[in-house]
């Protein structure tokens, strides 16, 4: 019989915003197979709960977002429940109907960097530290790094980060386009919540279809993409007229 354990991923909901928090602070939120199982379970639920949740925040408890894949679990021979569980979990983040904000403090190394690259937006502390250590450990990325990092920062910077394994701190992450912005660590939680609230105040119908269209259109040529958006779009939200009549606040 398995002994009960503390949740490895916490979920809290507030005003249409759901926050998922990696909860292994004593291990710098190292990404174990069991943590991925819990994260996947939350994502599966959120994917079917778009009427109640409009925005998702992904963050880590304690002084680090995540130090990356749990190397001790690898040494112990722990394995994911399916051959591509981690990569498929990242695909779930991309496929969620809700925009996902990664809120990063402290370490965000290797597997954790791959995790945040699957999110739509990223805000970080000035002292956040992003790093790809696949080369240091003799590993080869399989969760999407070699696709998502060049998409985010461009091929030249992605090669630098992957080939050198150097640390990119928060200010530089914002400058190169890895993060939307960085700010002092004591302001991170409040700024993340305010950003999520700002996004959640908009039509969730629009947010969901904008996210879907951007992903779908990235696979098209430009002309085909313009045609698809023009001819296959879902139309306006059911409350569009009400929103126009009621106005909106900045």
Foldseek 3Di string as FASTA:
>chain_A
DDDDDDQQWDWDDDPQEIEIEGPPVVQLSADALVNLVSLLVVLVVQLVVCVRHAEYEYAYPDQWRHQYHDVVCVVVVDDHPDPQSLLVSLVSQLLRLHQYEYETGAEQEARSLLNRLSGPAYEYAQAYKYWYCCVVVVHDDDNQLVPSVCVQQNDVVSCVRHVVRDIDGQCRCCVRRVHVHYYHPVCRVVVVVVVRVVSSVDDSVVSSQVSVLVVVLVVDDPVVSVVCCVPVPPDDDPCVVVCVVVDDDD
